Amino acid sequence: MTEHITHWIAGKEHGGTATRTADVYDPATGRVTAHVALADAADVAEGVEAAAEAAKAWRATSLTRRTQVLFAFRQLLSERTEELAAIITAEHGKVLDDAVGEITRGLEVVEFACGIPHLLKGGFSEGVSTGVDVYSIRQPLGVVAIISPFNFPAMVPMWFFPIAIATGNAVILKPSEKDPSAAVWIARLWEEAGLPPGVFNVIHGDKVAVDALLEHPTVASVSFVGSTPVARYVYETGTRNGKRVQALGGAKNHMVVLPDADLDLAADAAVSAGFGAAGERCMAIATVVAVEPIADDLVARIAERMQGLRVGDGRRGCDMGPLITREHRDRVASYVDAGVDDGAALVVDGREPGEIDADGEGFWLGPTLFDRVRPDMSIYTDEIFGPVLGVVRASSYDEALSLVNDNPYGNGTAIFTNDGGAARRFQYDVQVGMVGINVPIPVPMAYYSFGGWKSSLFGDTHAHGMDGVHFFTRGKVVTSRWPEPSHGGINLGFPRHD
């Protein structure tokens, strides 16, 4: 018997009114392990109604109480990280260590949100006129929607919902239908932490559910992470319906390696950042730009390290797991075919990964390395979102910089060098939102914002950090005059914040 995964609305399982379902696979075995309900517009409306009702009371809940719930959630998540990691690996396929790392990075945002009383402090100006004071406050939006991708079923939602909840909003999370169980597990954890019913809801679905959220008048904001075409659609549709939208799109991240770089360090980084999570990361390194004369040496070192990678079931201590679905595996493999047809040098062919440590017919594609990639090839221009790494050879720093800046995406980039001046020049010149210096995956800490430039972001607000606090709140300025003083009488007890 396969499991039936339902929505979570107003603090309980909700089967919904729609009859459509989607299969959920174990990518390492290729077997269907569950069916997930796909919401229709009526299901979305019911979830939004529950969230709107809960938001009224949650907004009125004191910052002290909200913070207590955040701390309780943080403690429970920290204690049960391994449990959630197993759920992620079973449905996404990434290895357990990677799943634990994903949760740990999400936990950083929860910890950041635990400091929300300090982050919500406004400003106060006394005596701007005779007897007049002016002060600013920030208030929650109400009902906020989060539409998250399959590649990080825990971390990406945690970029948004800890801050949204801490600032007094109620959340509708629409996870990917490919790996939905993590979202329901998180909802149950919130309940255990003491979050009131309806403040955190999970609605499963596909485009039907997404459109219903984008069009529902009560949904005040939408946070999205996914491909650039869908991010653009979400942004345009959401803003047309009067919503605040942050839509993070695709990427084609370059790693520039200068001739003075430590090539062993660079090779380790290229393999780690290129093939972690089978390349299914928006921050994965897809292109290594080798500034001559080091390309031959660097390619050889990368290929040598790839030979030692163990591919298989993520629960067996392997280095790299499967891709999320058979369709996606075939799509990625088609890019390998295209790279060969276009004349790139195929150094390591992942279409024949050799021995796989797994049972059943999983969705396997081994680590793949191309050399002598040209900017007109589809393996360079397109976001492949798989374990395919391409090396482009550049004759100079300026040529390498131009490759990065001319690319339509601007999510993340890295430079490897021992020259501090070159690194400083790169961080100044490069037109990308997140930059690593000898760091291949420059995902910032939670107190800094996460987000790209150009076609990697639609909207002007990044995820987490103070950008997140501002996104999930609205500013209000109050001008006040009190003609008569007042007091609350005598109370000798020590003042408390309730």
Protein backbone atom coordinates (compact mmCIF):
# COMPACT_ATOMS: atom_id res chain seq x y z
CA MET A 1 0.00 0.00 0.00
CA THR A 2 1.35 3.41 -0.96
CA GLU A 3 0.90 6.37 1.34
CA HIS A 4 -1.63 9.10 0.56
CA ILE A 5 -0.24 12.56 1.34
CA THR A 6 -2.86 15.18 2.14
CA HIS A 7 -2.95 18.91 2.71
CA TRP A 8 -2.47 20.43 6.17
CA ILE A 9 -5.02 23.13 6.89
CA ALA A 10 -5.93 24.73 10.22
CA GLY A 11 -3.77 22.33 12.20
CA LYS A 12 -4.95 19.02 10.77
CA GLU A 13 -4.83 16.77 7.74
CA HIS A 14 -7.20 17.82 5.00
CA GLY A 15 -8.04 15.53 2.10
CA GLY A 16 -9.36 18.33 -0.09
CA THR A 17 -12.16 18.31 -2.61
CA ALA A 18 -10.08 17.63 -5.72
CA THR A 19 -9.70 14.08 -6.99
CA ARG A 20 -6.40 14.54 -8.82
CA THR A 21 -3.21 13.08 -7.38
CA ALA A 22 0.45 12.81 -8.39
CA ASP A 23 2.91 9.97 -7.90
CA VAL A 24 5.79 10.44 -5.49
CA TYR A 25 8.88 8.36 -6.23
CA ASP A 26 11.92 7.08 -4.41
CA PRO A 27 14.45 8.25 -7.04
CA ALA A 28 17.04 5.70 -5.93
CA THR A 29 14.77 2.72 -6.67
CA GLY A 30 12.37 4.18 -9.23
CA ARG A 31 9.39 2.95 -7.23
CA VAL A 32 6.23 4.91 -6.43
CA THR A 33 6.08 5.35 -2.65
CA ALA A 34 3.10 7.68 -2.26
CA HIS A 35 0.34 9.62 -3.95
CA VAL A 36 -0.05 13.30 -3.13
CA ALA A 37 -3.31 15.22 -3.37
CA LEU A 38 -3.37 18.04 -5.92
CA ALA A 39 -5.45 21.00 -4.81
CA ASP A 40 -8.08 22.80 -6.84
CA ALA A 41 -9.13 26.41 -6.38
CA ALA A 42 -11.66 25.44 -3.70
CA ASP A 43 -8.96 23.74 -1.62
CA VAL A 44 -6.74 26.80 -1.92
CA ALA A 45 -9.61 29.06 -0.90
CA GLU A 46 -10.27 26.96 2.19
CA GLY A 47 -6.61 27.10 3.17
CA VAL A 48 -6.45 30.86 2.66
CA GLU A 49 -9.61 31.34 4.71
CA ALA A 50 -8.12 29.33 7.59
CA ALA A 51 -4.89 31.32 7.38
CA ALA A 52 -6.72 34.65 7.30
CA GLU A 53 -8.67 33.77 10.44
CA ALA A 54 -5.53 32.58 12.25
CA ALA A 55 -3.58 35.66 11.19
CA LYS A 56 -5.90 37.95 13.18
CA ALA A 57 -5.05 36.30 16.51
CA TRP A 58 -1.40 35.62 15.65
CA ARG A 59 -0.80 39.26 14.77
CA ALA A 60 -2.20 40.23 18.20
CA THR A 61 0.03 37.70 19.96
CA SER A 62 2.86 39.35 21.85
CA LEU A 63 6.39 39.32 20.51
CA THR A 64 7.40 37.48 23.66
CA ARG A 65 5.01 34.62 22.95
CA ARG A 66 5.87 34.48 19.25
CA THR A 67 9.55 34.25 20.11
CA GLN A 68 8.87 31.42 22.58
CA VAL A 69 7.22 29.42 19.79
CA LEU A 70 10.16 30.15 17.46
CA PHE A 71 12.65 28.96 20.06
CA ALA A 72 10.61 25.79 20.68
CA PHE A 73 10.49 25.07 16.93
CA ARG A 74 14.22 25.66 16.65
CA GLN A 75 14.93 23.22 19.47
CA LEU A 76 12.68 20.51 18.03
CA LEU A 77 14.14 20.89 14.55
CA SER A 78 17.67 20.71 15.90
CA GLU A 79 16.89 17.54 17.83
CA ARG A 80 15.14 15.81 14.93
CA THR A 81 17.27 16.86 11.99
CA GLU A 82 18.15 13.27 11.11
CA GLU A 83 14.47 12.34 10.90
CA LEU A 84 13.70 15.09 8.44
CA ALA A 85 16.86 14.34 6.46
CA ALA A 86 15.71 10.75 5.94
CA ILE A 87 12.39 12.01 4.54
CA ILE A 88 14.18 14.34 2.13
CA THR A 89 16.56 11.63 0.89
CA ALA A 90 13.70 9.16 0.37
CA GLU A 91 11.83 11.55 -1.95
CA HIS A 92 14.50 13.79 -3.45
CA GLY A 93 17.41 11.36 -3.63
CA LYS A 94 20.20 13.58 -2.31
CA VAL A 95 22.59 11.84 0.07
CA LEU A 96 21.86 12.01 3.78
CA ASP A 97 24.80 14.27 4.61
CA ASP A 98 23.59 16.76 2.01
CA ALA A 99 20.05 16.61 3.40
CA VAL A 100 21.39 17.30 6.90
CA GLY A 101 23.36 20.25 5.51
CA GLU A 102 20.23 21.62 3.86
CA ILE A 103 18.31 21.52 7.13
CA THR A 104 21.21 23.07 9.02
CA ARG A 105 21.28 26.05 6.66
CA GLY A 106 17.53 26.44 7.05
CA LEU A 107 17.91 26.28 10.81
CA GLU A 108 20.15 29.35 10.60
CA VAL A 109 17.15 31.34 9.35
CA VAL A 110 15.01 30.02 12.22
CA GLU A 111 17.69 31.21 14.63
CA PHE A 112 17.79 34.59 12.91
CA ALA A 113 14.00 34.86 13.27
CA CYS A 114 14.28 34.11 17.00
CA GLY A 115 15.70 37.64 17.31
CA ILE A 116 12.62 39.23 15.76
CA PRO A 117 11.82 41.59 18.68
CA HIS A 118 15.07 43.43 18.02
CA LEU A 119 14.56 43.36 14.25
CA LEU A 120 11.08 44.86 14.45
CA LYS A 121 12.11 47.91 16.47
CA GLY A 122 10.96 51.13 14.87
CA GLY A 123 12.17 54.70 15.21
CA PHE A 124 10.98 57.52 17.49
CA SER A 125 11.42 61.26 17.22
CA GLU A 126 10.36 63.25 20.26
CA GLY A 127 9.10 66.80 20.01
CA VAL A 128 9.10 67.28 16.23
CA SER A 129 6.63 70.07 16.96
CA THR A 130 5.13 71.43 20.17
CA GLY A 131 3.81 68.39 22.01
CA VAL A 132 4.06 66.23 18.87
CA ASP A 133 6.02 62.98 18.53
CA VAL A 134 6.52 60.86 15.39
CA TYR A 135 7.37 57.19 15.35
CA SER A 136 7.52 54.31 12.89
CA ILE A 137 6.33 50.72 13.28
CA ARG A 138 6.29 47.62 11.10
CA GLN A 139 3.20 45.42 10.86
CA PRO A 140 2.55 42.02 9.26
CA LEU A 141 0.96 41.63 5.83
CA GLY A 142 -1.59 38.96 6.78
CA VAL A 143 -1.66 35.81 4.61
CA VAL A 144 1.57 35.07 2.71
CA ALA A 145 2.21 32.31 0.19
CA ILE A 146 5.44 30.38 -0.37
CA ILE A 147 5.89 28.32 -3.54
CA SER A 148 9.02 26.20 -3.20
CA PRO A 149 10.98 23.91 -5.57
CA PHE A 150 11.85 20.23 -5.36
CA ASN A 151 15.60 20.61 -4.92
CA PHE A 152 15.51 21.96 -1.35
CA PRO A 153 12.21 20.84 0.21
CA ALA A 154 13.26 22.07 3.67
CA MET A 155 15.84 24.82 3.25
CA VAL A 156 14.10 26.97 0.64
CA PRO A 157 10.79 27.18 2.55
CA MET A 158 12.84 27.99 5.65
CA TRP A 159 14.32 30.97 3.84
CA PHE A 160 10.87 32.50 4.18
CA PHE A 161 8.44 31.04 6.70
CA PRO A 162 10.43 31.56 9.96
CA ILE A 163 10.57 35.30 9.29
CA ALA A 164 7.00 35.43 8.00
CA ILE A 165 5.68 33.71 11.12
CA ALA A 166 7.91 35.64 13.52
CA THR A 167 6.67 38.94 12.11
CA GLY A 168 3.04 37.94 12.69
CA ASN A 169 1.85 36.53 9.36
CA ALA A 170 0.03 33.28 8.53
CA VAL A 171 1.64 31.07 5.88
CA ILE A 172 0.41 28.96 2.97
CA LEU A 173 3.26 26.70 1.80
CA LYS A 174 2.87 25.08 -1.62
CA PRO A 175 5.77 22.60 -1.84
CA SER A 176 6.82 20.71 -4.93
CA GLU A 177 4.55 17.78 -5.63
CA LYS A 178 7.68 15.72 -6.35
CA ASP A 179 8.84 15.64 -2.69
CA PRO A 180 5.96 16.91 -0.52
CA SER A 181 6.40 14.97 2.73
CA ALA A 182 8.98 17.30 4.28
CA ALA A 183 6.46 20.16 4.29
CA VAL A 184 3.83 18.14 6.18
CA TRP A 185 6.46 16.95 8.66
CA ILE A 186 7.44 20.58 9.29
CA ALA A 187 3.78 21.52 9.80
CA ARG A 188 3.45 18.87 12.50
CA LEU A 189 6.62 20.16 14.14
CA TRP A 190 5.16 23.66 14.28
CA GLU A 191 2.09 22.23 16.00
CA GLU A 192 4.32 20.50 18.55
CA ALA A 193 6.16 23.79 19.12
CA GLY A 194 2.90 25.49 20.08
CA LEU A 195 2.06 27.40 16.91
CA PRO A 196 -1.72 28.02 16.77
CA PRO A 197 -3.69 26.11 14.09
CA GLY A 198 -3.93 27.92 10.78
CA VAL A 199 -0.75 29.96 11.10
CA PHE A 200 1.19 27.40 9.03
CA ASN A 201 -0.69 25.54 6.29
CA VAL A 202 0.47 23.20 3.52
CA ILE A 203 -1.41 22.94 0.24
CA HIS A 204 -0.08 20.49 -2.34
CA GLY A 205 -0.57 20.99 -6.03
CA ASP A 206 0.63 21.98 -9.44
CA LYS A 207 -0.09 25.00 -11.65
CA VAL A 208 -3.77 24.95 -10.66
CA ALA A 209 -2.85 25.61 -7.03
CA VAL A 210 -0.19 28.16 -7.97
CA ASP A 211 -2.63 30.15 -10.10
CA ALA A 212 -5.24 30.07 -7.34
CA LEU A 213 -2.72 31.51 -4.86
CA LEU A 214 -1.58 34.16 -7.32
CA GLU A 215 -5.15 35.27 -7.96
CA HIS A 216 -6.68 35.00 -4.48
CA PRO A 217 -7.38 38.53 -3.18
CA THR A 218 -6.57 37.66 0.45
CA VAL A 219 -3.02 36.49 -0.29
CA ALA A 220 -0.86 39.55 0.33
CA SER A 221 2.52 38.29 -0.89
CA VAL A 222 4.15 35.46 -2.79
CA SER A 223 7.67 34.10 -2.32
CA PHE A 224 8.84 31.81 -5.12
CA VAL A 225 11.97 29.87 -6.05
CA GLY A 226 12.24 27.96 -9.33
CA SER A 227 13.14 28.29 -12.98
CA THR A 228 13.38 31.69 -14.64
CA PRO A 229 10.37 31.26 -16.99
CA VAL A 230 8.11 30.30 -14.08
CA ALA A 231 9.60 33.00 -11.83
CA ARG A 232 8.77 35.60 -14.46
CA TYR A 233 5.22 34.23 -14.74
CA VAL A 234 4.75 34.24 -10.96
CA TYR A 235 6.07 37.79 -10.69
CA GLU A 236 3.96 39.18 -13.51
CA THR A 237 0.78 37.37 -12.46
CA GLY A 238 1.19 38.11 -8.77
CA THR A 239 1.95 41.80 -9.19
CA ARG A 240 -0.90 42.15 -11.68
CA ASN A 241 -3.14 40.89 -8.89
CA GLY A 242 -1.78 43.48 -6.46
CA LYS A 243 0.59 41.25 -4.50
CA ARG A 244 4.07 41.84 -3.20
CA VAL A 245 6.27 39.26 -4.99
CA GLN A 246 9.83 38.00 -4.65
CA ALA A 247 10.53 35.44 -7.36
CA LEU A 248 13.98 33.85 -7.46
CA GLY A 249 14.74 32.29 -10.83
CA GLY A 250 17.35 30.16 -12.52
CA ALA A 251 21.12 30.33 -12.67
CA LYS A 252 24.20 29.52 -14.69
CA ASN A 253 26.95 29.99 -12.14
CA HIS A 254 30.55 30.51 -13.28
CA MET A 255 33.69 29.73 -11.31
CA VAL A 256 36.66 31.71 -12.60
CA VAL A 257 40.08 30.17 -11.93
CA LEU A 258 43.05 32.50 -12.40
CA PRO A 259 46.54 31.18 -13.23
CA ASP A 260 47.87 31.91 -9.73
CA ALA A 261 45.14 29.89 -7.97
CA ASP A 262 45.73 26.78 -5.88
CA LEU A 263 44.63 24.25 -8.50
CA ASP A 264 44.05 21.45 -6.01
CA LEU A 265 41.72 23.70 -4.05
CA ALA A 266 39.99 24.79 -7.25
CA ALA A 267 39.56 21.22 -8.49
CA ASP A 268 38.11 20.08 -5.16
CA ALA A 269 35.72 23.03 -5.23
CA ALA A 270 34.62 22.42 -8.81
CA VAL A 271 33.75 18.79 -8.10
CA SER A 272 32.02 19.56 -4.82
CA ALA A 273 29.99 22.47 -6.18
CA GLY A 274 29.29 20.88 -9.54
CA PHE A 275 28.08 17.46 -8.44
CA GLY A 276 26.66 17.91 -4.95
CA ALA A 277 22.94 17.01 -4.94
CA ALA A 278 23.51 15.70 -8.49
CA GLY A 279 23.84 19.30 -9.67
CA GLU A 280 20.23 20.05 -8.73
CA ARG A 281 21.09 23.31 -6.99
CA CYS A 282 20.48 26.90 -8.05
CA MET A 283 23.92 27.64 -6.59
CA ALA A 284 25.71 24.75 -8.31
CA ILE A 285 28.78 25.56 -10.36
CA ALA A 286 27.85 24.78 -13.96
CA THR A 287 30.79 26.42 -15.72
CA VAL A 288 34.47 26.60 -14.82
CA VAL A 289 36.26 29.43 -16.62
CA ALA A 290 39.92 28.44 -16.74
CA VAL A 291 42.19 31.39 -17.50
CA GLU A 292 45.15 30.10 -19.49
CA PRO A 293 47.66 28.60 -19.24
CA ILE A 294 46.21 26.37 -16.51
CA ALA A 295 43.24 24.74 -18.32
CA ASP A 296 44.89 21.41 -19.20
CA ASP A 297 46.20 20.95 -15.67
CA LEU A 298 42.90 21.95 -14.03
CA VAL A 299 40.79 19.68 -16.25
CA ALA A 300 43.06 16.75 -15.48
CA ARG A 301 42.76 17.34 -11.73
CA ILE A 302 38.96 17.63 -11.89
CA ALA A 303 38.68 14.43 -13.95
CA GLU A 304 40.96 12.58 -11.53
CA ARG A 305 38.74 13.50 -8.58
CA MET A 306 35.58 12.53 -10.43
CA GLN A 307 36.83 8.97 -10.86
CA GLY A 308 36.62 8.45 -7.11
CA LEU A 309 33.00 9.56 -6.71
CA ARG A 310 30.64 6.84 -5.55
CA VAL A 311 27.17 7.09 -7.09
CA GLY A 312 24.19 5.36 -5.48
CA ASP A 313 21.42 5.37 -2.92
CA GLY A 314 21.82 8.38 -0.65
CA ARG A 315 21.14 6.20 2.39
CA ARG A 316 24.24 4.09 1.76
CA GLY A 317 27.00 6.61 2.32
CA CYS A 318 27.44 7.44 -1.38
CA ASP A 319 28.81 10.73 -2.67
CA MET A 320 26.06 11.48 -5.18
CA GLY A 321 22.50 10.24 -5.52
CA PRO A 322 20.01 10.03 -8.39
CA LEU A 323 18.11 12.77 -10.18
CA ILE A 324 14.60 13.57 -9.02
CA THR A 325 12.59 11.91 -11.83
CA ARG A 326 13.15 9.77 -14.88
CA GLU A 327 11.98 12.61 -17.12
CA HIS A 328 14.50 15.00 -15.61
CA ARG A 329 17.26 12.41 -15.90
CA ASP A 330 16.49 11.98 -19.60
CA ARG A 331 16.39 15.75 -20.10
CA VAL A 332 19.84 16.18 -18.54
CA ALA A 333 21.22 13.27 -20.57
CA SER A 334 19.96 14.93 -23.74
CA TYR A 335 22.25 17.89 -22.99
CA VAL A 336 25.21 15.52 -22.85
CA ASP A 337 24.21 14.28 -26.30
CA ALA A 338 23.93 17.87 -27.51
CA GLY A 339 27.34 18.79 -26.11
CA VAL A 340 28.95 15.95 -28.03
CA ASP A 341 27.10 16.91 -31.21
CA ASP A 342 28.21 20.54 -30.82
CA GLY A 343 31.87 19.56 -30.61
CA ALA A 344 32.70 19.95 -26.92
CA ALA A 345 35.32 17.53 -25.60
CA LEU A 346 33.60 14.91 -23.40
CA VAL A 347 36.19 14.11 -20.73
CA VAL A 348 33.98 12.06 -18.37
CA ASP A 349 30.74 10.54 -19.68
CA GLY A 350 28.07 10.23 -17.00
CA ARG A 351 25.64 8.45 -19.29
CA GLU A 352 27.52 5.29 -18.41
CA PRO A 353 28.20 5.76 -14.70
CA GLY A 354 29.40 2.22 -14.09
CA GLU A 355 28.46 0.39 -10.91
CA ILE A 356 25.58 1.99 -9.01
CA ASP A 357 25.15 1.18 -5.31
CA ALA A 358 21.36 0.91 -5.24
CA ASP A 359 18.43 -1.45 -5.64
CA GLY A 360 15.86 -1.18 -8.41
CA GLU A 361 15.80 1.08 -11.45
CA GLY A 362 16.64 4.52 -10.13
CA PHE A 363 17.08 7.72 -12.09
CA TRP A 364 20.82 7.62 -12.58
CA LEU A 365 23.22 9.87 -14.43
CA GLY A 366 26.84 9.98 -13.37
CA PRO A 367 29.06 13.06 -13.03
CA THR A 368 29.88 14.44 -16.49
CA LEU A 369 32.72 16.75 -17.53
CA PHE A 370 33.07 18.70 -20.77
CA ASP A 371 36.14 20.64 -21.84
CA ARG A 372 36.47 23.28 -24.57
CA VAL A 373 32.88 24.44 -24.19
CA ARG A 374 31.94 27.44 -26.30
CA PRO A 375 29.38 30.13 -25.33
CA ASP A 376 27.16 29.25 -28.31
CA MET A 377 26.58 25.66 -27.13
CA SER A 378 23.36 24.68 -25.36
CA ILE A 379 25.36 23.09 -22.53
CA TYR A 380 26.64 26.61 -21.84
CA THR A 381 23.58 28.74 -22.49
CA ASP A 382 20.91 26.60 -20.77
CA GLU A 383 20.39 25.83 -17.09
CA ILE A 384 20.83 22.05 -17.17
CA PHE A 385 20.20 21.46 -13.45
CA GLY A 386 22.12 18.21 -13.36
CA PRO A 387 25.61 16.77 -12.86
CA VAL A 388 27.12 18.29 -16.00
CA LEU A 389 30.17 20.53 -15.58
CA GLY A 390 31.61 22.49 -18.48
CA VAL A 391 35.05 24.08 -18.78
CA VAL A 392 35.42 27.21 -20.88
CA ARG A 393 38.95 28.40 -21.65
CA ALA A 394 39.66 32.12 -21.43
CA SER A 395 42.82 33.94 -22.47
CA SER A 396 42.65 36.66 -19.80
CA TYR A 397 40.88 37.95 -16.70
CA ASP A 398 38.94 40.45 -18.82
CA GLU A 399 37.65 37.72 -21.12
CA ALA A 400 36.60 35.62 -18.12
CA LEU A 401 34.82 38.59 -16.54
CA SER A 402 32.99 39.31 -19.78
CA LEU A 403 31.70 35.73 -19.91
CA VAL A 404 30.17 36.12 -16.47
CA ASN A 405 28.74 39.58 -17.06
CA ASP A 406 27.34 38.78 -20.52
CA ASN A 407 25.37 35.84 -19.17
CA PRO A 408 21.65 36.57 -18.69
CA TYR A 409 21.72 34.97 -15.24
CA GLY A 410 23.32 36.59 -12.21
CA ASN A 411 22.71 34.33 -9.24
CA GLY A 412 26.11 33.27 -7.90
CA THR A 413 29.72 33.28 -9.03
CA ALA A 414 33.16 32.53 -7.62
CA ILE A 415 36.77 33.40 -8.30
CA PHE A 416 39.76 31.31 -7.27
CA THR A 417 43.00 33.24 -6.89
CA ASN A 418 45.77 34.07 -4.43
CA ASP A 419 45.86 37.66 -5.68
CA GLY A 420 43.94 39.93 -3.32
CA GLY A 421 43.87 42.76 -5.82
CA ALA A 422 42.33 40.54 -8.50
CA ALA A 423 39.73 39.26 -6.04
CA ARG A 424 38.80 42.79 -4.97
CA ARG A 425 38.57 43.90 -8.59
CA PHE A 426 36.34 40.93 -9.42
CA GLN A 427 33.90 41.56 -6.58
CA TYR A 428 33.64 45.17 -7.74
CA ASP A 429 33.25 44.46 -11.47
CA VAL A 430 31.11 41.33 -11.57
CA GLN A 431 27.37 41.74 -12.19
CA VAL A 432 26.13 38.94 -9.96
CA GLY A 433 24.22 39.02 -6.69
CA MET A 434 26.34 36.59 -4.64
CA VAL A 435 30.12 36.33 -4.99
CA GLY A 436 32.56 33.80 -3.56
CA ILE A 437 36.30 34.38 -3.24
CA ASN A 438 37.89 30.94 -3.05
CA VAL A 439 34.40 29.79 -1.95
CA PRO A 440 32.53 27.91 -4.70
CA ILE A 441 28.97 28.12 -3.30
CA PRO A 442 28.64 31.59 -1.75
CA VAL A 443 25.31 31.07 0.04
CA PRO A 444 25.23 33.84 2.67
CA MET A 445 24.48 33.44 6.34
CA ALA A 446 20.88 34.07 7.37
CA TYR A 447 21.56 37.62 8.55
CA TYR A 448 22.59 38.57 5.00
CA SER A 449 20.21 38.40 2.06
CA PHE A 450 20.09 35.65 -0.57
CA GLY A 451 19.32 36.62 -4.13
CA GLY A 452 20.69 37.15 -7.59
CA TRP A 453 20.63 39.81 -10.27
CA LYS A 454 19.38 39.97 -13.85
CA SER A 455 17.16 37.01 -14.85
CA SER A 456 17.85 35.25 -11.55
CA LEU A 457 15.49 37.54 -9.60
CA PHE A 458 12.17 39.19 -10.31
CA GLY A 459 11.28 41.85 -7.79
CA ASP A 460 13.69 43.91 -5.74
CA THR A 461 13.66 41.98 -2.47
CA HIS A 462 16.01 39.10 -1.67
CA ALA A 463 15.35 36.23 0.72
CA HIS A 464 16.05 36.24 4.47
CA GLY A 465 18.16 38.79 6.33
CA MET A 466 16.65 42.22 6.83
CA ASP A 467 15.28 42.03 3.28
CA GLY A 468 13.04 39.23 4.54
CA VAL A 469 11.90 41.22 7.56
CA HIS A 470 10.96 44.15 5.34
CA PHE A 471 9.27 41.92 2.76
CA PHE A 472 6.92 40.34 5.31
CA THR A 473 6.02 43.63 7.02
CA ARG A 474 4.68 47.04 6.05
CA GLY A 475 5.89 50.31 7.45
CA LYS A 476 3.57 52.70 9.22
CA VAL A 477 4.39 56.17 10.57
CA VAL A 478 2.37 57.65 13.44
CA THR A 479 2.25 61.34 14.33
CA SER A 480 0.99 61.74 17.90
CA ARG A 481 -0.11 64.53 20.26
CA TRP A 482 -1.46 63.88 23.77
CA PRO A 483 -3.12 66.94 25.34
CA GLU A 484 -3.31 65.46 28.84
CA PRO A 485 -0.85 63.18 30.66
CA SER A 486 -2.17 59.89 32.03
CA HIS A 487 -0.87 57.07 34.23
CA GLY A 488 -1.93 53.62 35.31
CA GLY A 489 -1.97 54.05 39.05
CA ILE A 490 0.33 52.53 41.65
CA ASN A 491 1.85 49.08 41.16
CA LEU A 492 4.90 48.07 43.23
CA GLY A 493 5.43 44.79 41.37
CA PHE A 494 8.43 44.34 39.09
CA PRO A 495 7.29 45.25 35.54
CA ARG A 496 6.73 42.26 33.26
CA HIS A 497 6.33 41.89 29.48
CA ASP A 498 3.30 39.65 28.86
